[in-house]
Amino acid sequence: MLSETYYLIRSKADGRYLAARPNEDDAATFVLLFKENFDALSYLNTHAGDLAERLGVETITGTQIKTILQRWSFNGVGIVTDPLLPTIEFLVQS
């Protein structure tokens, strides 16, 4: 996971990353990661087409994930395996 490249969706206005809360009763927040640039763009166009101009896709390496989790107080990552449905695998930071 550390040597791979990932793609995140980020707000152009305030720099926040697109995140998910899989359990509304829990405050745990997970930053969404995409394995391919086109998957991030597909997710963006399918689920936030009207906001597409306000969001951008950012590239990071696996070594940068821990820093992002700490800086933004995320509890872990959500790896989007199917951007159209969407299907997301949540991993808690250890």
PDB file of N, CA and C in Angstrom:
ATOM      1  N   MET A   1       0.824  -1.189   0.000  1.00  0.00           N
ATOM      2  CA  MET A   1       0.000   0.000   0.000  1.00  0.00           C
ATOM      3  C   MET A   1       0.872   1.258   0.000  1.00  0.00           C
ATOM      4  N   LEU A   2       2.042   1.200   0.609  1.00  0.00           N
ATOM      5  CA  LEU A   2       2.889   2.385   0.713  1.00  0.00           C
ATOM      6  C   LEU A   2       3.524   2.799  -0.603  1.00  0.00           C
ATOM      7  N   SER A   3       3.777   1.842  -1.486  1.00  0.00           N
ATOM      8  CA  SER A   3       4.448   2.177  -2.740  1.00  0.00           C
ATOM      9  C   SER A   3       3.478   2.516  -3.870  1.00  0.00           C
ATOM     10  N   GLU A   4       2.181   2.457  -3.607  1.00  0.00           N
ATOM     11  CA  GLU A   4       1.185   2.721  -4.641  1.00  0.00           C
ATOM     12  C   GLU A   4       0.837   4.209  -4.722  1.00  0.00           C
ATOM     13  N   THR A   5       0.234   4.575  -5.835  1.00  0.00           N
ATOM     14  CA  THR A   5      -0.278   5.923  -6.034  1.00  0.00           C
ATOM     15  C   THR A   5      -1.782   5.892  -5.866  1.00  0.00           C
ATOM     16  N   TYR A   6      -2.313   6.899  -5.186  1.00  0.00           N
ATOM     17  CA  TYR A   6      -3.754   6.985  -4.954  1.00  0.00           C
ATOM     18  C   TYR A   6      -4.251   8.353  -5.399  1.00  0.00           C
ATOM     19  N   TYR A   7      -5.553   8.434  -5.561  1.00  0.00           N
ATOM     20  CA  TYR A   7      -6.191   9.667  -6.002  1.00  0.00           C
ATOM     21  C   TYR A   7      -7.283  10.032  -5.003  1.00  0.00           C
ATOM     22  N   LEU A   8      -7.344  11.296  -4.641  1.00  0.00           N
ATOM     23  CA  LEU A   8      -8.329  11.800  -3.695  1.00  0.00           C
ATOM     24  C   LEU A   8      -9.101  12.919  -4.358  1.00  0.00           C
ATOM     25  N   ILE A   9     -10.303  13.145  -3.887  1.00  0.00           N
ATOM     26  CA  ILE A   9     -11.099  14.268  -4.364  1.00  0.00           C
ATOM     27  C   ILE A   9     -11.020  15.351  -3.292  1.00  0.00           C
ATOM     28  N   ARG A  10     -10.684  16.571  -3.731  1.00  0.00           N
ATOM     29  CA  ARG A  10     -10.453  17.666  -2.791  1.00  0.00           C
ATOM     30  C   ARG A  10     -11.187  18.922  -3.235  1.00  0.00           C
ATOM     31  N   SER A  11     -11.718  19.638  -2.261  1.00  0.00           N
ATOM     32  CA  SER A  11     -12.419  20.887  -2.527  1.00  0.00           C
ATOM     33  C   SER A  11     -11.420  21.961  -2.952  1.00  0.00           C
ATOM     34  N   LYS A  12     -11.727  22.671  -4.022  1.00  0.00           N
ATOM     35  CA  LYS A  12     -10.888  23.775  -4.465  1.00  0.00           C
ATOM     36  C   LYS A  12     -11.078  25.003  -3.582  1.00  0.00           C
ATOM     37  N   ALA A  13     -12.214  25.086  -2.904  1.00  0.00           N
ATOM     38  CA  ALA A  13     -12.529  26.255  -2.083  1.00  0.00           C
ATOM     39  C   ALA A  13     -11.801  26.250  -0.742  1.00  0.00           C
ATOM     40  N   ASP A  14     -11.867  25.118  -0.014  1.00  0.00           N
ATOM     41  CA  ASP A  14     -11.279  25.110   1.327  1.00  0.00           C
ATOM     42  C   ASP A  14     -10.241  24.008   1.541  1.00  0.00           C
ATOM     43  N   GLY A  15      -9.957  23.211   0.527  1.00  0.00           N
ATOM     44  CA  GLY A  15      -8.919  22.197   0.621  1.00  0.00           C
ATOM     45  C   GLY A  15      -9.311  20.917   1.328  1.00  0.00           C
ATOM     46  N   ARG A  16     -10.566  20.782   1.722  1.00  0.00           N
ATOM     47  CA  ARG A  16     -10.997  19.558   2.418  1.00  0.00           C
ATOM     48  C   ARG A  16     -11.078  18.385   1.446  1.00  0.00           C
ATOM     49  N   TYR A  17     -10.774  17.212   1.986  1.00  0.00           N
ATOM     50  CA  TYR A  17     -10.865  15.990   1.198  1.00  0.00           C
ATOM     51  C   TYR A  17     -12.261  15.398   1.301  1.00  0.00           C
ATOM     52  N   LEU A  18     -12.680  14.711   0.250  1.00  0.00           N
ATOM     53  CA  LEU A  18     -13.949  13.999   0.264  1.00  0.00           C
ATOM     54  C   LEU A  18     -13.825  12.825   1.225  1.00  0.00           C
ATOM     55  N   ALA A  19     -14.751  12.746   2.160  1.00  0.00           N
ATOM     56  CA  ALA A  19     -14.691  11.721   3.193  1.00  0.00           C
ATOM     57  C   ALA A  19     -16.066  11.087   3.369  1.00  0.00           C
ATOM     58  N   ALA A  20     -16.079   9.956   4.056  1.00  0.00           N
ATOM     59  CA  ALA A  20     -17.322   9.229   4.310  1.00  0.00           C
ATOM     60  C   ALA A  20     -17.436   8.904   5.792  1.00  0.00           C
ATOM     61  N   ARG A  21     -18.664   8.840   6.240  1.00  0.00           N
ATOM     62  CA  ARG A  21     -18.994   8.379   7.591  1.00  0.00           C
ATOM     63  C   ARG A  21     -19.899   7.169   7.419  1.00  0.00           C
ATOM     64  N   PRO A  22     -19.332   5.952   7.460  1.00  0.00           N
ATOM     65  CA  PRO A  22     -20.123   4.753   7.172  1.00  0.00           C
ATOM     66  C   PRO A  22     -21.202   4.452   8.195  1.00  0.00           C
ATOM     67  N   ASN A  23     -21.078   4.965   9.398  1.00  0.00           N
ATOM     68  CA  ASN A  23     -22.064   4.729  10.441  1.00  0.00           C
ATOM     69  C   ASN A  23     -22.494   6.080  11.002  1.00  0.00           C
ATOM     70  N   GLU A  24     -23.713   6.487  10.740  1.00  0.00           N
ATOM     71  CA  GLU A  24     -24.162   7.812  11.172  1.00  0.00           C
ATOM     72  C   GLU A  24     -24.248   7.951  12.688  1.00  0.00           C
ATOM     73  N   ASP A  25     -24.252   6.826  13.413  1.00  0.00           N
ATOM     74  CA  ASP A  25     -24.259   6.867  14.879  1.00  0.00           C
ATOM     75  C   ASP A  25     -22.861   7.029  15.454  1.00  0.00           C
ATOM     76  N   ASP A  26     -21.857   6.930  14.598  1.00  0.00           N
ATOM     77  CA  ASP A  26     -20.461   7.017  15.011  1.00  0.00           C
ATOM     78  C   ASP A  26     -19.835   8.220  14.295  1.00  0.00           C
ATOM     79  N   ALA A  27     -18.987   8.944  14.963  1.00  0.00           N
ATOM     80  CA  ALA A  27     -18.366  10.134  14.376  1.00  0.00           C
ATOM     81  C   ALA A  27     -17.132   9.805  13.538  1.00  0.00           C
ATOM     82  N   ALA A  28     -16.795   8.524  13.384  1.00  0.00           N
ATOM     83  CA  ALA A  28     -15.605   8.134  12.625  1.00  0.00           C
ATOM     84  C   ALA A  28     -15.733   8.575  11.167  1.00  0.00           C
ATOM     85  N   THR A  29     -14.665   9.220  10.677  1.00  0.00           N
ATOM     86  CA  THR A  29     -14.631   9.738   9.322  1.00  0.00           C
ATOM     87  C   THR A  29     -13.456   9.124   8.571  1.00  0.00           C
ATOM     88  N   PHE A  30     -13.694   8.731   7.318  1.00  0.00           N
ATOM     89  CA  PHE A  30     -12.696   8.060   6.498  1.00  0.00           C
ATOM     90  C   PHE A  30     -12.504   8.831   5.194  1.00  0.00           C
ATOM     91  N   VAL A  31     -11.252   9.162   4.871  1.00  0.00           N
ATOM     92  CA  VAL A  31     -10.959   9.827   3.609  1.00  0.00           C
ATOM     93  C   VAL A  31     -11.094   8.790   2.490  1.00  0.00           C
ATOM     94  N   LEU A  32     -11.683   9.192   1.373  1.00  0.00           N
ATOM     95  CA  LEU A  32     -11.887   8.272   0.247  1.00  0.00           C
ATOM     96  C   LEU A  32     -10.673   8.270  -0.670  1.00  0.00           C
ATOM     97  N   LEU A  33     -10.181   7.073  -0.972  1.00  0.00           N
ATOM     98  CA  LEU A  33      -9.043   6.880  -1.871  1.00  0.00           C
ATOM     99  C   LEU A  33      -9.502   6.118  -3.098  1.00  0.00           C
ATOM    100  N   PHE A  34      -8.957   6.493  -4.232  1.00  0.00           N
ATOM    101  CA  PHE A  34      -9.241   5.817  -5.499  1.00  0.00           C
ATOM    102  C   PHE A  34      -7.932   5.288  -6.057  1.00  0.00           C
ATOM    103  N   LYS A  35      -7.973   4.113  -6.670  1.00  0.00           N
ATOM    104  CA  LYS A  35      -6.757   3.511  -7.208  1.00  0.00           C
ATOM    105  C   LYS A  35      -6.381   4.056  -8.575  1.00  0.00           C
ATOM    106  N   GLU A  36      -7.337   4.644  -9.258  1.00  0.00           N
ATOM    107  CA  GLU A  36      -7.093   5.190 -10.604  1.00  0.00           C
ATOM    108  C   GLU A  36      -7.694   6.586 -10.703  1.00  0.00           C
ATOM    109  N   ASN A  37      -7.064   7.430 -11.476  1.00  0.00           N
ATOM    110  CA  ASN A  37      -7.559   8.787 -11.699  1.00  0.00           C
ATOM    111  C   ASN A  37      -8.957   8.746 -12.316  1.00  0.00           C
ATOM    112  N   PHE A  38      -9.165   7.866 -13.293  1.00  0.00           N
ATOM    113  CA  PHE A  38     -10.471   7.794 -13.958  1.00  0.00           C
ATOM    114  C   PHE A  38     -11.566   7.301 -13.010  1.00  0.00           C
ATOM    115  N   ASP A  39     -11.214   6.506 -11.981  1.00  0.00           N
ATOM    116  CA  ASP A  39     -12.208   6.092 -10.995  1.00  0.00           C
ATOM    117  C   ASP A  39     -12.671   7.286 -10.163  1.00  0.00           C
ATOM    118  N   ALA A  40     -11.733   8.142  -9.788  1.00  0.00           N
ATOM    119  CA  ALA A  40     -12.083   9.350  -9.029  1.00  0.00           C
ATOM    120  C   ALA A  40     -12.964  10.268  -9.870  1.00  0.00           C
ATOM    121  N   LEU A  41     -12.622  10.419 -11.133  1.00  0.00           N
ATOM    122  CA  LEU A  41     -13.426  11.261 -12.021  1.00  0.00           C
ATOM    123  C   LEU A  41     -14.814  10.662 -12.256  1.00  0.00           C
ATOM    124  N   SER A  42     -14.891   9.346 -12.401  1.00  0.00           N
ATOM    125  CA  SER A  42     -16.193   8.684 -12.568  1.00  0.00           C
ATOM    126  C   SER A  42     -17.064   8.889 -11.338  1.00  0.00           C
ATOM    127  N   TYR A  43     -16.480   8.732 -10.148  1.00  0.00           N
ATOM    128  CA  TYR A  43     -17.209   8.936  -8.897  1.00  0.00           C
ATOM    129  C   TYR A  43     -17.715  10.372  -8.830  1.00  0.00           C
ATOM    130  N   LEU A  44     -16.841  11.295  -9.137  1.00  0.00           N
ATOM    131  CA  LEU A  44     -17.192  12.713  -9.099  1.00  0.00           C
ATOM    132  C   LEU A  44     -18.320  13.032 -10.071  1.00  0.00           C
ATOM    133  N   ASN A  45     -18.224  12.566 -11.291  1.00  0.00           N
ATOM    134  CA  ASN A  45     -19.246  12.848 -12.300  1.00  0.00           C
ATOM    135  C   ASN A  45     -20.574  12.161 -11.997  1.00  0.00           C
ATOM    136  N   THR A  46     -20.523  10.965 -11.404  1.00  0.00           N
ATOM    137  CA  THR A  46     -21.740  10.208 -11.104  1.00  0.00           C
ATOM    138  C   THR A  46     -22.467  10.744  -9.879  1.00  0.00           C
ATOM    139  N   HIS A  47     -21.721  11.071  -8.838  1.00  0.00           N
ATOM    140  CA  HIS A  47     -22.342  11.397  -7.552  1.00  0.00           C
ATOM    141  C   HIS A  47     -22.292  12.871  -7.173  1.00  0.00           C
ATOM    142  N   ALA A  48     -21.537  13.663  -7.899  1.00  0.00           N
ATOM    143  CA  ALA A  48     -21.443  15.084  -7.563  1.00  0.00           C
ATOM    144  C   ALA A  48     -21.249  15.923  -8.828  1.00  0.00           C
ATOM    145  N   GLY A  49     -21.961  15.551  -9.881  1.00  0.00           N
ATOM    146  CA  GLY A  49     -21.807  16.242 -11.156  1.00  0.00           C
ATOM    147  C   GLY A  49     -22.025  17.736 -11.083  1.00  0.00           C
ATOM    148  N   ASP A  50     -22.979  18.175 -10.245  1.00  0.00           N
ATOM    149  CA  ASP A  50     -23.253  19.598 -10.128  1.00  0.00           C
ATOM    150  C   ASP A  50     -22.170  20.337  -9.335  1.00  0.00           C
ATOM    151  N   LEU A  51     -21.320  19.593  -8.618  1.00  0.00           N
ATOM    152  CA  LEU A  51     -20.234  20.199  -7.848  1.00  0.00           C
ATOM    153  C   LEU A  51     -18.866  19.987  -8.490  1.00  0.00           C
ATOM    154  N   ALA A  52     -18.840  19.354  -9.644  1.00  0.00           N
ATOM    155  CA  ALA A  52     -17.579  18.969 -10.283  1.00  0.00           C
ATOM    156  C   ALA A  52     -16.625  20.142 -10.476  1.00  0.00           C
ATOM    157  N   GLU A  53     -17.137  21.330 -10.737  1.00  0.00           N
ATOM    158  CA  GLU A  53     -16.272  22.490 -10.939  1.00  0.00           C
ATOM    159  C   GLU A  53     -15.607  22.946  -9.642  1.00  0.00           C
ATOM    160  N   ARG A  54     -16.187  22.585  -8.511  1.00  0.00           N
ATOM    161  CA  ARG A  54     -15.656  22.995  -7.205  1.00  0.00           C
ATOM    162  C   ARG A  54     -14.701  21.981  -6.601  1.00  0.00           C
ATOM    163  N   LEU A  55     -14.573  20.824  -7.262  1.00  0.00           N
ATOM    164  CA  LEU A  55     -13.744  19.741  -6.740  1.00  0.00           C
ATOM    165  C   LEU A  55     -12.672  19.361  -7.745  1.00  0.00           C
ATOM    166  N   GLY A  56     -11.560  18.855  -7.234  1.00  0.00           N
ATOM    167  CA  GLY A  56     -10.487  18.411  -8.103  1.00  0.00           C
ATOM    168  C   GLY A  56      -9.921  17.095  -7.628  1.00  0.00           C
ATOM    169  N   VAL A  57      -9.212  16.409  -8.500  1.00  0.00           N
ATOM    170  CA  VAL A  57      -8.577  15.140  -8.149  1.00  0.00           C
ATOM    171  C   VAL A  57      -7.107  15.413  -7.863  1.00  0.00           C
ATOM    172  N   GLU A  58      -6.639  14.895  -6.736  1.00  0.00           N
ATOM    173  CA  GLU A  58      -5.262  15.091  -6.290  1.00  0.00           C
ATOM    174  C   GLU A  58      -4.573  13.735  -6.213  1.00  0.00           C
ATOM    175  N   THR A  59      -3.312  13.683  -6.617  1.00  0.00           N
ATOM    176  CA  THR A  59      -2.523  12.460  -6.570  1.00  0.00           C
ATOM    177  C   THR A  59      -1.657  12.457  -5.320  1.00  0.00           C
ATOM    178  N   ILE A  60      -1.632  11.303  -4.620  1.00  0.00           N
ATOM    179  CA  ILE A  60      -0.731  11.153  -3.476  1.00  0.00           C
ATOM    180  C   ILE A  60      -0.073   9.766  -3.549  1.00  0.00           C
ATOM    181  N   THR A  61       1.007   9.615  -2.819  1.00  0.00           N
ATOM    182  CA  THR A  61       1.638   8.300  -2.709  1.00  0.00           C
ATOM    183  C   THR A  61       1.197   7.661  -1.400  1.00  0.00           C
ATOM    184  N   GLY A  62       1.368   6.375  -1.297  1.00  0.00           N
ATOM    185  CA  GLY A  62       0.987   5.660  -0.092  1.00  0.00           C
ATOM    186  C   GLY A  62       1.686   6.173   1.151  1.00  0.00           C
ATOM    187  N   THR A  63       2.897   6.699   0.992  1.00  0.00           N
ATOM    188  CA  THR A  63       3.633   7.211   2.144  1.00  0.00           C
ATOM    189  C   THR A  63       3.033   8.499   2.701  1.00  0.00           C
ATOM    190  N   GLN A  64       2.207   9.182   1.944  1.00  0.00           N
ATOM    191  CA  GLN A  64       1.578  10.430   2.384  1.00  0.00           C
ATOM    192  C   GLN A  64       0.265  10.205   3.137  1.00  0.00           C
ATOM    193  N   ILE A  65      -0.263   8.994   3.097  1.00  0.00           N
ATOM    194  CA  ILE A  65      -1.571   8.725   3.697  1.00  0.00           C
ATOM    195  C   ILE A  65      -1.577   9.007   5.188  1.00  0.00           C
ATOM    196  N   LYS A  66      -0.572   8.537   5.900  1.00  0.00           N
ATOM    197  CA  LYS A  66      -0.535   8.713   7.354  1.00  0.00           C
ATOM    198  C   LYS A  66      -0.555  10.198   7.733  1.00  0.00           C
ATOM    199  N   THR A  67       0.174  11.017   7.000  1.00  0.00           N
ATOM    200  CA  THR A  67       0.207  12.455   7.263  1.00  0.00           C
ATOM    201  C   THR A  67      -1.169  13.078   7.066  1.00  0.00           C
ATOM    202  N   ILE A  68      -1.860  12.695   6.015  1.00  0.00           N
ATOM    203  CA  ILE A  68      -3.202  13.224   5.743  1.00  0.00           C
ATOM    204  C   ILE A  68      -4.170  12.790   6.842  1.00  0.00           C
ATOM    205  N   LEU A  69      -4.081  11.529   7.256  1.00  0.00           N
ATOM    206  CA  LEU A  69      -4.951  11.040   8.328  1.00  0.00           C
ATOM    207  C   LEU A  69      -4.730  11.836   9.615  1.00  0.00           C
ATOM    208  N   GLN A  70      -3.483  12.099   9.943  1.00  0.00           N
ATOM    209  CA  GLN A  70      -3.175  12.840  11.164  1.00  0.00           C
ATOM    210  C   GLN A  70      -3.581  14.307  11.058  1.00  0.00           C
ATOM    211  N   ARG A  71      -3.245  14.942   9.950  1.00  0.00           N
ATOM    212  CA  ARG A  71      -3.522  16.375   9.787  1.00  0.00           C
ATOM    213  C   ARG A  71      -5.013  16.688   9.825  1.00  0.00           C
ATOM    214  N   TRP A  72      -5.816  15.819   9.195  1.00  0.00           N
ATOM    215  CA  TRP A  72      -7.243  16.078   9.085  1.00  0.00           C
ATOM    216  C   TRP A  72      -8.075  15.268  10.080  1.00  0.00           C
ATOM    217  N   SER A  73      -7.423  14.546  10.968  1.00  0.00           N
ATOM    218  CA  SER A  73      -8.086  13.751  12.017  1.00  0.00           C
ATOM    219  C   SER A  73      -9.056  12.703  11.470  1.00  0.00           C
ATOM    220  N   PHE A  74      -8.658  12.049  10.382  1.00  0.00           N
ATOM    221  CA  PHE A  74      -9.457  10.952   9.854  1.00  0.00           C
ATOM    222  C   PHE A  74      -9.174   9.695  10.665  1.00  0.00           C
ATOM    223  N   ASN A  75     -10.152   8.821  10.768  1.00  0.00           N
ATOM    224  CA  ASN A  75     -10.003   7.569  11.498  1.00  0.00           C
ATOM    225  C   ASN A  75      -9.418   6.452  10.637  1.00  0.00           C
ATOM    226  N   GLY A  76      -9.406   6.654   9.341  1.00  0.00           N
ATOM    227  CA  GLY A  76      -8.878   5.660   8.422  1.00  0.00           C
ATOM    228  C   GLY A  76      -9.166   6.047   6.985  1.00  0.00           C
ATOM    229  N   VAL A  77      -9.080   5.073   6.099  1.00  0.00           N
ATOM    230  CA  VAL A  77      -9.316   5.313   4.679  1.00  0.00           C
ATOM    231  C   VAL A  77     -10.473   4.461   4.191  1.00  0.00           C
ATOM    232  N   GLY A  78     -11.118   4.944   3.169  1.00  0.00           N
ATOM    233  CA  GLY A  78     -12.136   4.189   2.464  1.00  0.00           C
ATOM    234  C   GLY A  78     -11.655   4.022   1.035  1.00  0.00           C
ATOM    235  N   ILE A  79     -11.289   2.822   0.656  1.00  0.00           N
ATOM    236  CA  ILE A  79     -10.803   2.565  -0.701  1.00  0.00           C
ATOM    237  C   ILE A  79     -12.004   2.244  -1.577  1.00  0.00           C
ATOM    238  N   VAL A  80     -12.241   3.088  -2.556  1.00  0.00           N
ATOM    239  CA  VAL A  80     -13.388   2.930  -3.454  1.00  0.00           C
ATOM    240  C   VAL A  80     -13.025   1.892  -4.509  1.00  0.00           C
ATOM    241  N   THR A  81     -13.704   0.747  -4.475  1.00  0.00           N
ATOM    242  CA  THR A  81     -13.433  -0.321  -5.427  1.00  0.00           C
ATOM    243  C   THR A  81     -14.363  -0.277  -6.641  1.00  0.00           C
ATOM    244  N   ASP A  82     -15.510   0.357  -6.491  1.00  0.00           N
ATOM    245  CA  ASP A  82     -16.431   0.556  -7.615  1.00  0.00           C
ATOM    246  C   ASP A  82     -17.023   1.954  -7.474  1.00  0.00           C
ATOM    247  N   PRO A  83     -16.601   2.881  -8.323  1.00  0.00           N
ATOM    248  CA  PRO A  83     -17.044   4.270  -8.174  1.00  0.00           C
ATOM    249  C   PRO A  83     -18.496   4.518  -8.576  1.00  0.00           C
ATOM    250  N   LEU A  84     -19.098   3.628  -9.332  1.00  0.00           N
ATOM    251  CA  LEU A  84     -20.453   3.881  -9.810  1.00  0.00           C
ATOM    252  C   LEU A  84     -21.524   3.477  -8.804  1.00  0.00           C
ATOM    253  N   LEU A  85     -21.290   2.415  -8.025  1.00  0.00           N
ATOM    254  CA  LEU A  85     -22.317   1.945  -7.089  1.00  0.00           C
ATOM    255  C   LEU A  85     -22.475   2.813  -5.843  1.00  0.00           C
ATOM    256  N   PRO A  86     -21.637   3.312  -5.120  1.00  0.00           N
ATOM    257  CA  PRO A  86     -20.218   2.998  -4.936  1.00  0.00           C
ATOM    258  C   PRO A  86     -20.007   1.847  -3.946  1.00  0.00           C
ATOM    259  N   THR A  87     -18.894   1.147  -4.126  1.00  0.00           N
ATOM    260  CA  THR A  87     -18.487   0.102  -3.208  1.00  0.00           C
ATOM    261  C   THR A  87     -17.183   0.557  -2.556  1.00  0.00           C
ATOM    262  N   ILE A  88     -17.170   0.559  -1.222  1.00  0.00           N
ATOM    263  CA  ILE A  88     -16.025   1.112  -0.492  1.00  0.00           C
ATOM    264  C   ILE A  88     -15.583   0.134   0.588  1.00  0.00           C
ATOM    265  N   GLU A  89     -14.275  -0.113   0.670  1.00  0.00           N
ATOM    266  CA  GLU A  89     -13.687  -0.925   1.727  1.00  0.00           C
ATOM    267  C   GLU A  89     -13.082   0.034   2.748  1.00  0.00           C
ATOM    268  N   PHE A  90     -13.571  -0.020   3.990  1.00  0.00           N
ATOM    269  CA  PHE A  90     -13.075   0.874   5.028  1.00  0.00           C
ATOM    270  C   PHE A  90     -11.986   0.201   5.840  1.00  0.00           C
ATOM    271  N   LEU A  91     -10.879   0.924   6.038  1.00  0.00           N
ATOM    272  CA  LEU A  91      -9.745   0.441   6.810  1.00  0.00           C
ATOM    273  C   LEU A  91      -9.461   1.437   7.920  1.00  0.00           C
ATOM    274  N   VAL A  92      -9.418   0.962   9.151  1.00  0.00           N
ATOM    275  CA  VAL A  92      -9.173   1.820  10.306  1.00  0.00           C
ATOM    276  C   VAL A  92      -7.674   1.978  10.498  1.00  0.00           C
ATOM    277  N   GLN A  93      -7.250   3.197  10.810  1.00  0.00           N
ATOM    278  CA  GLN A  93      -5.842   3.480  11.071  1.00  0.00           C
ATOM    279  C   GLN A  93      -5.417   2.791  12.363  1.00  0.00           C
ATOM    280  N   SER A  94      -4.267   2.132  12.307  1.00  0.00           N
ATOM    281  CA  SER A  94      -3.783   1.467  13.529  1.00  0.00           C
ATOM    282  C   SER A  94      -2.633   2.211  14.148  1.00  0.00           C
TER     283      SER A  94
END
